[in-house]
C-alpha atoms as a PDB file:
ATOM      1  CA  MET A   1    -250.849  41.747 154.602  1.00  0.00           C
ATOM      2  CA  GLN A   2    -248.220  39.142 155.325  1.00  0.00           C
ATOM      3  CA  PRO A   3    -247.671  37.914 158.897  1.00  0.00           C
ATOM      4  CA  ARG A   4    -244.893  39.841 160.579  1.00  0.00           C
ATOM      5  CA  ASN A   5    -241.479  38.135 160.555  1.00  0.00           C
ATOM      6  CA  MET A   6    -242.878  35.200 158.580  1.00  0.00           C
ATOM      7  CA  SER A   7    -242.580  33.916 155.041  1.00  0.00           C
ATOM      8  CA  MET A   8    -245.819  33.855 153.104  1.00  0.00           C
ATOM      9  CA  SER A   9    -244.911  30.434 151.747  1.00  0.00           C
ATOM     10  CA  GLY A  10    -245.080  29.137 155.321  1.00  0.00           C
ATOM     11  CA  VAL A  11    -244.095  25.628 156.305  1.00  0.00           C
ATOM     12  CA  VAL A  12    -245.696  23.998 153.248  1.00  0.00           C
ATOM     13  CA  ASP A  13    -243.931  24.804 149.996  1.00  0.00           C
ATOM     14  CA  LEU A  14    -246.384  25.578 147.216  1.00  0.00           C
ATOM     15  CA  ALA A  15    -244.439  23.106 145.099  1.00  0.00           C
ATOM     16  CA  ALA A  16    -245.567  20.410 147.523  1.00  0.00           C
ATOM     17  CA  VAL A  17    -249.157  21.445 146.989  1.00  0.00           C
ATOM     18  CA  LYS A  18    -248.682  21.119 143.247  1.00  0.00           C
ATOM     19  CA  ALA A  19    -246.971  17.754 143.751  1.00  0.00           C
ATOM     20  CA  ALA A  20    -249.996  16.467 145.626  1.00  0.00           C
ATOM     21  CA  GLY A  21    -252.192  17.179 142.639  1.00  0.00           C
ATOM     22  CA  GLU A  22    -249.669  15.513 140.336  1.00  0.00           C
ATOM     23  CA  ALA A  23    -249.548  12.468 142.605  1.00  0.00           C
ATOM     24  CA  LYS A  24    -253.318  12.198 142.436  1.00  0.00           C
ATOM     25  CA  GLN A  25    -253.205  12.371 138.646  1.00  0.00           C
ATOM     26  CA  LYS A  26    -250.549   9.646 138.511  1.00  0.00           C
ATOM     27  CA  ALA A  27    -252.602   7.433 140.826  1.00  0.00           C
ATOM     28  CA  GLU A  28    -255.633   7.876 138.623  1.00  0.00           C
ATOM     29  CA  GLN A  29    -253.574   6.993 135.554  1.00  0.00           C
ATOM     30  CA  ALA A  30    -252.304   3.873 137.323  1.00  0.00           C
ATOM     31  CA  ARG A  31    -255.863   2.838 138.194  1.00  0.00           C
ATOM     32  CA  ALA A  32    -256.981   3.420 134.605  1.00  0.00           C
ATOM     33  CA  GLU A  33    -254.093   1.330 133.307  1.00  0.00           C
ATOM     34  CA  ALA A  34    -254.890  -1.400 135.847  1.00  0.00           C
ATOM     35  CA  ALA A  35    -258.501  -1.424 134.706  1.00  0.00           C
ATOM     36  CA  ARG A  36    -257.360  -1.741 131.086  1.00  0.00           C
ATOM     37  CA  THR A  37    -254.912  -4.574 131.760  1.00  0.00           C
ATOM     38  CA  GLY A  38    -256.837  -6.285 134.565  1.00  0.00           C
ATOM     39  CA  ALA A  39    -253.954  -5.900 137.035  1.00  0.00           C
ATOM     40  CA  ALA A  40    -254.126  -4.394 140.517  1.00  0.00           C
ATOM     41  CA  PRO A  41    -251.870  -1.359 141.027  1.00  0.00           C
ATOM     42  CA  ALA A  42    -249.408  -1.200 143.882  1.00  0.00           C
ATOM     43  CA  GLY A  43    -251.022  -0.126 147.142  1.00  0.00           C
ATOM     44  CA  ALA A  44    -254.497  -1.185 146.049  1.00  0.00           C
ATOM     45  CA  THR A  45    -256.966  -1.150 148.885  1.00  0.00           C
ATOM     46  CA  ARG A  46    -257.984  -4.512 150.314  1.00  0.00           C
ATOM     47  CA  LEU A  47    -261.187  -4.408 152.314  1.00  0.00           C
ATOM     48  CA  VAL A  48    -260.729  -7.852 153.910  1.00  0.00           C
ATOM     49  CA  PHE A  49    -257.382  -9.549 154.503  1.00  0.00           C
ATOM     50  CA  ASP A  50    -255.664 -12.103 156.739  1.00  0.00           C
ATOM     51  CA  VAL A  51    -253.034 -10.866 159.192  1.00  0.00           C
ATOM     52  CA  ASP A  52    -250.280 -12.707 161.030  1.00  0.00           C
ATOM     53  CA  GLU A  53    -247.756 -11.605 163.631  1.00  0.00           C
ATOM     54  CA  ALA A  54    -245.120 -10.753 161.015  1.00  0.00           C
ATOM     55  CA  GLY A  55    -247.416  -8.410 159.093  1.00  0.00           C
ATOM     56  CA  PHE A  56    -249.285  -6.857 162.019  1.00  0.00           C
ATOM     57  CA  GLN A  57    -247.144  -3.709 162.235  1.00  0.00           C
ATOM     58  CA  GLN A  58    -247.625  -2.748 158.601  1.00  0.00           C
ATOM     59  CA  ASP A  59    -251.035  -4.222 157.821  1.00  0.00           C
ATOM     60  CA  VAL A  60    -252.789  -3.053 160.993  1.00  0.00           C
ATOM     61  CA  LEU A  61    -250.860  -0.457 162.986  1.00  0.00           C
ATOM     62  CA  GLN A  62    -249.581   1.603 160.060  1.00  0.00           C
ATOM     63  CA  ARG A  63    -252.783   1.259 158.071  1.00  0.00           C
ATOM     64  CA  SER A  64    -254.834   2.432 161.067  1.00  0.00           C
ATOM     65  CA  THR A  65    -253.434   5.942 160.610  1.00  0.00           C
ATOM     66  CA  GLU A  66    -255.318   6.120 157.288  1.00  0.00           C
ATOM     67  CA  VAL A  67    -258.446   4.019 157.869  1.00  0.00           C
ATOM     68  CA  PRO A  68    -260.067   2.313 160.899  1.00  0.00           C
ATOM     69  CA  VAL A  69    -258.969  -1.322 161.037  1.00  0.00           C
ATOM     70  CA  VAL A  70    -261.470  -3.809 162.495  1.00  0.00           C
ATOM     71  CA  ILE A  71    -259.868  -7.024 163.778  1.00  0.00           C
ATOM     72  CA  ASP A  72    -261.794 -10.302 163.804  1.00  0.00           C
ATOM     73  CA  PHE A  73    -260.177 -12.914 166.073  1.00  0.00           C
ATOM     74  CA  TRP A  74    -261.465 -16.290 164.900  1.00  0.00           C
ATOM     75  CA  ALA A  75    -260.643 -20.007 164.599  1.00  0.00           C
ATOM     76  CA  GLU A  76    -261.759 -22.767 162.273  1.00  0.00           C
ATOM     77  CA  TRP A  77    -263.338 -24.770 165.113  1.00  0.00           C
ATOM     78  CA  CYS A  78    -265.375 -21.792 166.405  1.00  0.00           C
ATOM     79  CA  GLN A  79    -268.995 -22.105 165.300  1.00  0.00           C
ATOM     80  CA  PRO A  80    -270.061 -18.523 166.255  1.00  0.00           C
ATOM     81  CA  CYS A  81    -267.056 -17.287 164.237  1.00  0.00           C
ATOM     82  CA  LYS A  82    -268.588 -18.872 161.141  1.00  0.00           C
ATOM     83  CA  GLN A  83    -271.692 -16.741 161.653  1.00  0.00           C
ATOM     84  CA  LEU A  84    -269.957 -13.462 162.492  1.00  0.00           C
ATOM     85  CA  GLY A  85    -267.085 -13.630 159.993  1.00  0.00           C
ATOM     86  CA  PRO A  86    -269.158 -13.587 156.783  1.00  0.00           C
ATOM     87  CA  LEU A  87    -271.329 -10.799 158.192  1.00  0.00           C
ATOM     88  CA  LEU A  88    -268.270  -8.653 158.932  1.00  0.00           C
ATOM     89  CA  GLU A  89    -266.913  -9.318 155.447  1.00  0.00           C
ATOM     90  CA  SER A  90    -270.219  -8.362 153.876  1.00  0.00           C
ATOM     91  CA  LEU A  91    -270.378  -5.119 155.848  1.00  0.00           C
ATOM     92  CA  ALA A  92    -266.769  -4.290 154.954  1.00  0.00           C
ATOM     93  CA  ALA A  93    -267.807  -4.386 151.300  1.00  0.00           C
ATOM     94  CA  GLU A  94    -270.978  -2.391 151.999  1.00  0.00           C
ATOM     95  CA  TYR A  95    -269.116   0.331 153.930  1.00  0.00           C
ATOM     96  CA  ALA A  96    -266.806   0.570 150.901  1.00  0.00           C
ATOM     97  CA  GLY A  97    -263.563   1.704 152.488  1.00  0.00           C
ATOM     98  CA  LYS A  98    -264.833   3.438 155.627  1.00  0.00           C
ATOM     99  CA  PHE A  99    -263.102   0.614 157.496  1.00  0.00           C
ATOM    100  CA  VAL A 100    -261.055  -2.443 156.563  1.00  0.00           C
ATOM    101  CA  LEU A 101    -261.307  -5.898 158.126  1.00  0.00           C
ATOM    102  CA  ALA A 102    -258.237  -7.786 159.365  1.00  0.00           C
ATOM    103  CA  LYS A 103    -258.843 -11.463 160.162  1.00  0.00           C
ATOM    104  CA  ILE A 104    -256.555 -13.154 162.698  1.00  0.00           C
ATOM    105  CA  ASP A 105    -256.583 -16.929 163.180  1.00  0.00           C
ATOM    106  CA  VAL A 106    -255.904 -17.326 166.907  1.00  0.00           C
ATOM    107  CA  ASP A 107    -254.514 -20.850 166.526  1.00  0.00           C
ATOM    108  CA  SER A 108    -251.713 -19.524 164.305  1.00  0.00           C
ATOM    109  CA  ASN A 109    -251.169 -16.218 166.127  1.00  0.00           C
ATOM    110  CA  GLN A 110    -251.164 -16.914 169.849  1.00  0.00           C
ATOM    111  CA  MET A 111    -248.958 -13.922 170.633  1.00  0.00           C
ATOM    112  CA  LEU A 112    -251.459 -11.454 169.151  1.00  0.00           C
ATOM    113  CA  PHE A 113    -254.278 -13.325 170.902  1.00  0.00           C
ATOM    114  CA  GLN A 114    -252.520 -12.815 174.247  1.00  0.00           C
ATOM    115  CA  GLN A 115    -251.388  -9.239 173.615  1.00  0.00           C
ATOM    116  CA  PHE A 116    -254.969  -8.117 172.998  1.00  0.00           C
ATOM    117  CA  GLY A 117    -256.140  -9.912 176.146  1.00  0.00           C
ATOM    118  CA  VAL A 118    -258.783 -11.868 174.259  1.00  0.00           C
ATOM    119  CA  GLN A 119    -260.887 -13.952 176.652  1.00  0.00           C
ATOM    120  CA  GLY A 120    -262.883 -15.875 174.083  1.00  0.00           C
ATOM    121  CA  ILE A 121    -263.765 -15.891 170.396  1.00  0.00           C
ATOM    122  CA  PRO A 122    -265.122 -14.496 168.261  1.00  0.00           C
ATOM    123  CA  ALA A 123    -263.693 -11.240 169.578  1.00  0.00           C
ATOM    124  CA  VAL A 124    -263.700  -8.002 167.631  1.00  0.00           C
ATOM    125  CA  PHE A 125    -261.385  -5.057 168.204  1.00  0.00           C
ATOM    126  CA  ALA A 126    -260.590  -1.928 166.238  1.00  0.00           C
ATOM    127  CA  VAL A 127    -257.323  -0.066 165.834  1.00  0.00           C
ATOM    128  CA  VAL A 128    -257.449   3.674 165.156  1.00  0.00           C
ATOM    129  CA  ALA A 129    -254.288   5.766 164.892  1.00  0.00           C
ATOM    130  CA  GLY A 130    -252.328   2.850 166.311  1.00  0.00           C
ATOM    131  CA  GLN A 131    -254.519   2.481 169.391  1.00  0.00           C
ATOM    132  CA  PRO A 132    -256.586  -0.688 170.078  1.00  0.00           C
ATOM    133  CA  ILE A 133    -260.279  -0.291 170.931  1.00  0.00           C
ATOM    134  CA  PRO A 134    -262.278  -3.294 172.241  1.00  0.00           C
ATOM    135  CA  LEU A 135    -265.596  -3.523 170.397  1.00  0.00           C
ATOM    136  CA  PHE A 136    -267.386  -6.716 171.457  1.00  0.00           C
ATOM    137  CA  GLN A 137    -267.038 -10.438 172.093  1.00  0.00           C
ATOM    138  CA  GLY A 138    -269.258 -13.186 170.721  1.00  0.00           C
ATOM    139  CA  ALA A 139    -271.654 -13.174 167.800  1.00  0.00           C
ATOM    140  CA  VAL A 140    -273.963 -10.128 167.791  1.00  0.00           C
ATOM    141  CA  PRO A 141    -277.081  -9.280 165.763  1.00  0.00           C
ATOM    142  CA  GLU A 142    -276.518  -7.380 162.522  1.00  0.00           C
ATOM    143  CA  ALA A 143    -278.336  -4.291 163.789  1.00  0.00           C
ATOM    144  CA  GLN A 144    -276.030  -4.067 166.810  1.00  0.00           C
ATOM    145  CA  LEU A 145    -272.977  -4.681 164.637  1.00  0.00           C
ATOM    146  CA  ARG A 146    -273.961  -1.850 162.303  1.00  0.00           C
ATOM    147  CA  GLN A 147    -274.389   0.480 165.264  1.00  0.00           C
ATOM    148  CA  VAL A 148    -270.918  -0.384 166.560  1.00  0.00           C
ATOM    149  CA  LEU A 149    -269.340   0.150 163.138  1.00  0.00           C
ATOM    150  CA  ASP A 150    -271.152   3.455 162.634  1.00  0.00           C
ATOM    151  CA  GLN A 151    -269.830   4.680 165.980  1.00  0.00           C
ATOM    152  CA  LEU A 152    -266.323   3.539 165.084  1.00  0.00           C
ATOM    153  CA  VAL A 153    -266.372   5.358 161.752  1.00  0.00           C
ATOM    154  CA  GLN A 154    -267.731   8.481 163.450  1.00  0.00           C
ATOM    155  CA  VAL A 155    -265.069   8.446 166.184  1.00  0.00           C
ATOM    156  CA  ALA A 156    -262.274   7.932 163.651  1.00  0.00           C
ATOM    157  CA  GLU A 157    -263.494  10.846 161.528  1.00  0.00           C
ATOM    158  CA  GLN A 158    -264.491  13.316 164.228  1.00  0.00           C
ATOM    159  CA  GLN A 159    -261.729  12.636 166.740  1.00  0.00           C
ATOM    160  CA  PHE A 160    -258.798  11.991 164.405  1.00  0.00           C
ATOM    161  CA  GLY A 161    -259.815  13.116 160.931  1.00  0.00           C
ATOM    162  CA  ILE A 162    -259.359   9.550 159.638  1.00  0.00           C
ATOM    163  CA  VAL A 163    -261.961   8.891 156.949  1.00  0.00           C
ATOM    164  CA  GLY A 164    -260.534   5.995 154.954  1.00  0.00           C
ATOM    165  CA  ALA A 165    -260.639   5.891 151.178  1.00  0.00           C
ATOM    166  CA  PRO A 166    -263.887   5.392 149.225  1.00  0.00           C
ATOM    167  CA  VAL A 167    -263.781   2.137 147.279  1.00  0.00           C
ATOM    168  CA  ASP A 168    -266.082   0.740 144.613  1.00  0.00           C
ATOM    169  CA  PRO A 169    -267.239  -2.559 146.182  1.00  0.00           C
ATOM    170  CA  ALA A 170    -267.592  -4.234 142.789  1.00  0.00           C
ATOM    171  CA  ALA A 171    -264.065  -3.276 141.802  1.00  0.00           C
ATOM    172  CA  ALA A 172    -262.717  -4.305 145.212  1.00  0.00           C
ATOM    173  CA  GLU A 173    -264.423  -7.696 144.925  1.00  0.00           C
ATOM    174  CA  GLN A 174    -262.888  -8.350 141.521  1.00  0.00           C
ATOM    175  CA  ALA A 175    -259.383  -6.968 141.900  1.00  0.00           C
ATOM    176  CA  ASP A 176    -259.098  -4.976 145.165  1.00  0.00           C
ATOM    177  CA  VAL A 177    -258.769  -1.817 143.053  1.00  0.00           C
ATOM    178  CA  PRO A 178    -260.056   1.551 144.330  1.00  0.00           C
ATOM    179  CA  ALA A 179    -262.540   3.217 142.023  1.00  0.00           C
ATOM    180  CA  PRO A 180    -261.127   6.269 140.214  1.00  0.00           C
ATOM    181  CA  ALA A 181    -262.214   9.540 141.764  1.00  0.00           C
ATOM    182  CA  PRO A 182    -263.973  11.973 139.423  1.00  0.00           C
ATOM    183  CA  VAL A 183    -261.633  14.606 138.113  1.00  0.00           C
ATOM    184  CA  GLY A 184    -262.669  18.051 136.956  1.00  0.00           C
ATOM    185  CA  PRO A 185    -260.865  20.634 134.804  1.00  0.00           C
ATOM    186  CA  TYR A 186    -259.500  22.530 137.812  1.00  0.00           C
ATOM    187  CA  ASP A 187    -256.006  23.430 136.589  1.00  0.00           C
ATOM    188  CA  ALA A 188    -256.888  27.058 135.856  1.00  0.00           C
ATOM    189  CA  ALA A 189    -258.754  27.526 139.144  1.00  0.00           C
ATOM    190  CA  LEU A 190    -255.944  25.948 141.159  1.00  0.00           C
ATOM    191  CA  THR A 191    -253.337  28.065 139.402  1.00  0.00           C
ATOM    192  CA  THR A 192    -255.361  31.195 140.182  1.00  0.00           C
ATOM    193  CA  ALA A 193    -255.666  30.139 143.835  1.00  0.00           C
ATOM    194  CA  ALA A 194    -251.952  29.374 144.148  1.00  0.00           C
ATOM    195  CA  ASP A 195    -251.040  32.714 142.545  1.00  0.00           C
ATOM    196  CA  ALA A 196    -253.339  34.542 144.971  1.00  0.00           C
ATOM    197  CA  LEU A 197    -251.797  32.671 147.903  1.00  0.00           C
ATOM    198  CA  ASP A 198    -248.274  33.446 146.766  1.00  0.00           C
ATOM    199  CA  ALA A 199    -249.196  37.124 146.322  1.00  0.00           C
ATOM    200  CA  GLY A 200    -250.649  37.379 149.814  1.00  0.00           C
ATOM    201  CA  ASP A 201    -254.290  37.634 148.686  1.00  0.00           C
ATOM    202  CA  LEU A 202    -255.459  35.164 151.316  1.00  0.00           C
ATOM    203  CA  GLY A 203    -259.169  35.907 150.937  1.00  0.00           C
ATOM    204  CA  GLY A 204    -259.005  35.359 147.191  1.00  0.00           C
ATOM    205  CA  ALA A 205    -257.025  32.141 147.614  1.00  0.00           C
ATOM    206  CA  ILE A 206    -259.498  30.803 150.169  1.00  0.00           C
ATOM    207  CA  ARG A 207    -262.474  31.511 147.927  1.00  0.00           C
ATOM    208  CA  ALA A 208    -260.779  29.916 144.921  1.00  0.00           C
ATOM    209  CA  TYR A 209    -259.864  26.750 146.803  1.00  0.00           C
ATOM    210  CA  GLN A 210    -263.352  26.527 148.317  1.00  0.00           C
ATOM    211  CA  ASN A 211    -264.864  26.749 144.839  1.00  0.00           C
ATOM    212  CA  VAL A 212    -262.823  23.754 143.705  1.00  0.00           C
ATOM    213  CA  LEU A 213    -263.695  21.767 146.823  1.00  0.00           C
ATOM    214  CA  SER A 214    -267.402  22.464 146.352  1.00  0.00           C
ATOM    215  CA  ASP A 215    -267.188  20.403 143.153  1.00  0.00           C
ATOM    216  CA  ASP A 216    -264.418  17.983 144.161  1.00  0.00           C
ATOM    217  CA  PRO A 217    -264.363  17.655 147.989  1.00  0.00           C
ATOM    218  CA  THR A 218    -261.351  15.310 148.009  1.00  0.00           C
ATOM    219  CA  ASN A 219    -259.107  17.302 145.669  1.00  0.00           C
ATOM    220  CA  PRO A 220    -255.723  17.084 147.456  1.00  0.00           C
ATOM    221  CA  GLU A 221    -254.217  20.246 145.992  1.00  0.00           C
ATOM    222  CA  ALA A 222    -257.249  22.321 146.984  1.00  0.00           C
ATOM    223  CA  LYS A 223    -257.390  20.815 150.483  1.00  0.00           C
ATOM    224  CA  LEU A 224    -253.728  21.552 151.150  1.00  0.00           C
ATOM    225  CA  GLY A 225    -253.948  25.011 149.648  1.00  0.00           C
ATOM    226  CA  LEU A 226    -257.069  25.933 151.625  1.00  0.00           C
ATOM    227  CA  ALA A 227    -255.569  24.689 154.888  1.00  0.00           C
ATOM    228  CA  GLN A 228    -252.441  26.743 154.291  1.00  0.00           C
ATOM    229  CA  ALA A 229    -254.336  29.879 153.287  1.00  0.00           C
ATOM    230  CA  GLU A 230    -256.578  29.674 156.359  1.00  0.00           C
ATOM    231  CA  LEU A 231    -253.543  29.193 158.599  1.00  0.00           C
ATOM    232  CA  LEU A 232    -251.799  32.236 157.154  1.00  0.00           C
ATOM    233  CA  GLN A 233    -254.979  34.277 157.487  1.00  0.00           C
ATOM    234  CA  ARG A 234    -255.205  33.368 161.178  1.00  0.00           C
ATOM    235  CA  VAL A 235    -251.660  34.483 161.953  1.00  0.00           C
ATOM    236  CA  GLN A 236    -251.356  37.520 159.688  1.00  0.00           C
ATOM    237  CA  ASP A 237    -252.195  40.054 162.412  1.00  0.00           C
ATOM    238  CA  LEU A 238    -250.538  38.232 165.317  1.00  0.00           C
ATOM    239  CA  ASP A 239    -247.481  39.607 167.087  1.00  0.00           C
ATOM    240  CA  PRO A 240    -245.233  36.539 167.517  1.00  0.00           C
ATOM    241  CA  GLN A 241    -243.489  37.899 170.598  1.00  0.00           C
ATOM    242  CA  VAL A 242    -246.770  38.650 172.388  1.00  0.00           C
ATOM    243  CA  VAL A 243    -248.315  35.297 171.411  1.00  0.00           C
ATOM    244  CA  ARG A 244    -245.342  33.292 172.648  1.00  0.00           C
ATOM    245  CA  GLN A 245    -245.155  35.240 175.881  1.00  0.00           C
ATOM    246  CA  GLU A 246    -248.858  34.651 176.566  1.00  0.00           C
ATOM    247  CA  ALA A 247    -248.499  30.941 175.823  1.00  0.00           C
ATOM    248  CA  ALA A 248    -245.530  30.650 178.180  1.00  0.00           C
ATOM    249  CA  GLU A 249    -247.208  32.596 180.991  1.00  0.00           C
ATOM    250  CA  ARG A 250    -250.635  30.939 180.630  1.00  0.00           C
ATOM    251  CA  PRO A 251    -250.122  27.212 179.899  1.00  0.00           C
ATOM    252  CA  ALA A 252    -253.756  26.474 180.831  1.00  0.00           C
ATOM    253  CA  ASP A 253    -255.106  29.040 178.338  1.00  0.00           C
ATOM    254  CA  VAL A 254    -256.129  26.879 175.393  1.00  0.00           C
ATOM    255  CA  GLN A 255    -256.626  29.773 172.977  1.00  0.00           C
ATOM    256  CA  ALA A 256    -253.127  31.026 173.788  1.00  0.00           C
ATOM    257  CA  GLN A 257    -251.727  27.577 173.054  1.00  0.00           C
ATOM    258  CA  ILE A 258    -253.702  27.386 169.799  1.00  0.00           C
ATOM    259  CA  ARG A 259    -252.325  30.719 168.602  1.00  0.00           C
ATOM    260  CA  ALA A 260    -248.808  29.633 169.527  1.00  0.00           C
ATOM    261  CA  ALA A 261    -249.263  26.335 167.690  1.00  0.00           C
ATOM    262  CA  ASP A 262    -250.288  28.206 164.539  1.00  0.00           C
ATOM    263  CA  LEU A 263    -247.120  30.285 164.786  1.00  0.00           C
ATOM    264  CA  ASP A 264    -245.041  27.167 165.436  1.00  0.00           C
ATOM    265  CA  LEU A 265    -246.305  25.598 162.236  1.00  0.00           C
ATOM    266  CA  VAL A 266    -245.836  28.699 160.088  1.00  0.00           C
ATOM    267  CA  GLY A 267    -242.304  28.938 161.446  1.00  0.00           C
ATOM    268  CA  GLY A 268    -241.568  25.362 160.426  1.00  0.00           C
ATOM    269  CA  HIS A 269    -241.665  23.888 163.945  1.00  0.00           C
ATOM    270  CA  VAL A 270    -244.141  21.168 163.017  1.00  0.00           C
ATOM    271  CA  GLU A 271    -243.533  18.741 165.865  1.00  0.00           C
ATOM    272  CA  ASP A 272    -243.611  21.586 168.411  1.00  0.00           C
ATOM    273  CA  ALA A 273    -247.015  22.687 167.096  1.00  0.00           C
ATOM    274  CA  PHE A 274    -248.426  19.165 167.212  1.00  0.00           C
ATOM    275  CA  GLY A 275    -246.964  18.449 170.652  1.00  0.00           C
ATOM    276  CA  ARG A 276    -248.331  21.690 172.083  1.00  0.00           C
ATOM    277  CA  LEU A 277    -251.878  20.831 170.993  1.00  0.00           C
ATOM    278  CA  VAL A 278    -251.678  17.184 172.050  1.00  0.00           C
ATOM    279  CA  ASP A 279    -250.625  18.417 175.501  1.00  0.00           C
ATOM    280  CA  ALA A 280    -253.545  20.868 175.497  1.00  0.00           C
ATOM    281  CA  VAL A 281    -255.971  18.056 174.671  1.00  0.00           C
ATOM    282  CA  GLN A 282    -254.538  15.952 177.484  1.00  0.00           C
ATOM    283  CA  ARG A 283    -254.795  18.736 180.080  1.00  0.00           C
ATOM    284  CA  THR A 284    -258.281  19.998 179.299  1.00  0.00           C
ATOM    285  CA  VAL A 285    -261.919  18.898 179.123  1.00  0.00           C
ATOM    286  CA  GLY A 286    -265.111  20.028 177.437  1.00  0.00           C
ATOM    287  CA  GLU A 287    -265.057  22.892 174.946  1.00  0.00           C
ATOM    288  CA  ASP A 288    -261.382  23.683 175.523  1.00  0.00           C
ATOM    289  CA  ARG A 289    -260.367  20.120 174.735  1.00  0.00           C
ATOM    290  CA  GLU A 290    -262.524  20.091 171.620  1.00  0.00           C
ATOM    291  CA  ALA A 291    -261.062  23.400 170.411  1.00  0.00           C
ATOM    292  CA  ALA A 292    -257.504  22.072 170.762  1.00  0.00           C
ATOM    293  CA  ARG A 293    -258.388  18.786 169.044  1.00  0.00           C
ATOM    294  CA  VAL A 294    -260.106  20.491 166.103  1.00  0.00           C
ATOM    295  CA  ARG A 295    -257.191  22.883 165.561  1.00  0.00           C
ATOM    296  CA  LEU A 296    -254.786  19.929 165.624  1.00  0.00           C
ATOM    297  CA  LEU A 297    -256.771  18.219 162.854  1.00  0.00           C
ATOM    298  CA  GLU A 298    -256.696  21.461 160.842  1.00  0.00           C
ATOM    299  CA  LEU A 299    -252.919  21.597 161.167  1.00  0.00           C
ATOM    300  CA  PHE A 300    -252.717  17.973 160.017  1.00  0.00           C
ATOM    301  CA  ASP A 301    -254.386  19.132 156.788  1.00  0.00           C
ATOM    302  CA  VAL A 302    -251.692  21.774 156.311  1.00  0.00           C
ATOM    303  CA  ILE A 303    -248.923  19.179 156.451  1.00  0.00           C
ATOM    304  CA  GLY A 304    -250.716  16.303 154.712  1.00  0.00           C
ATOM    305  CA  ALA A 305    -251.899  12.911 155.945  1.00  0.00           C
ATOM    306  CA  ASP A 306    -248.921  11.036 154.484  1.00  0.00           C
ATOM    307  CA  ASP A 307    -246.319  12.970 156.467  1.00  0.00           C
ATOM    308  CA  PRO A 308    -244.771  10.770 159.215  1.00  0.00           C
ATOM    309  CA  ARG A 309    -245.032  13.650 161.680  1.00  0.00           C
ATOM    310  CA  VAL A 310    -248.806  13.615 161.207  1.00  0.00           C
ATOM    311  CA  THR A 311    -248.897   9.843 161.687  1.00  0.00           C
ATOM    312  CA  LYS A 312    -246.919  10.181 164.909  1.00  0.00           C
ATOM    313  CA  ALA A 313    -249.145  12.980 166.194  1.00  0.00           C
ATOM    314  CA  ARG A 314    -252.342  11.050 165.391  1.00  0.00           C
ATOM    315  CA  THR A 315    -251.049   8.188 167.512  1.00  0.00           C
ATOM    316  CA  ALA A 316    -250.188  10.573 170.352  1.00  0.00           C
ATOM    317  CA  LEU A 317    -253.674  12.093 170.111  1.00  0.00           C
ATOM    318  CA  ALA A 318    -255.238   8.644 170.299  1.00  0.00           C
ATOM    319  CA  ARG A 319    -253.277   7.873 173.460  1.00  0.00           C
ATOM    320  CA  VAL A 320    -254.587  10.943 175.287  1.00  0.00           C
ATOM    321  CA  LEU A 321    -258.187  10.496 174.092  1.00  0.00           C
ATOM    322  CA  PHE A 322    -258.600   6.790 174.846  1.00  0.00           C
END
């Protein structure tokens, strides 16, 4: 049954879901061509890179919406930096895309040094969803460094749904090229799932998308399709008028706000949905806060990580969590 007063296609056009799969295929073709010619494709992932004040916005702040960015403040004259820097670079390769390492020479970038309030070097920060997180100052043992990085990766994934992009360390070392993701013959299964979704068979669509994801967990078309199907299934029996009235009358009721956010998104009011849940996260604690945060991440999946509205909402979420 379709949700009352709502289009089954929802806020995400099924053509966009198909386009995501086509974009993945084109990216894989570009990587294959780069491997054949020995050239790095545009947008290739760099695990370790130098950053200056001019490139900070794009190389650190924007990138942090897709992958945790660890910042190493260092200087040529700093002896502890010469111990910590190579260790961080080695771990960046070992973690293979779970975080990237931005190196900032403090002698050449005094403004960044001051803006981060660095008291001494080496100093290591992280930026997640545009928000800076102090990690530690001074050289630390490798075991402690691994613990800090593990916690960072976990926070980025669990709190913001930011998981980075898996990279083959050998390929990254040679040409900064991401390893091609395995591709399966899923065209027929995805077509069946999309047809079921378009016909209103939400249960069938969900099962079909889940079957694809069981074999290919990162398949973008299946992830988008599943997120949309689950959203439509949640709202199919809701009465929009009742839900919106409850949300207006009970602003502290997290479940009421979650239901209203689902309706906002299905109705095309993406920023309203995101803002409602960010506000709910800010106002609540404990299980209620976690429920609002998790639903917000689920709605991010419906829209897609590359959408600027998702990037903006991730940053807003980071502000209220940190």
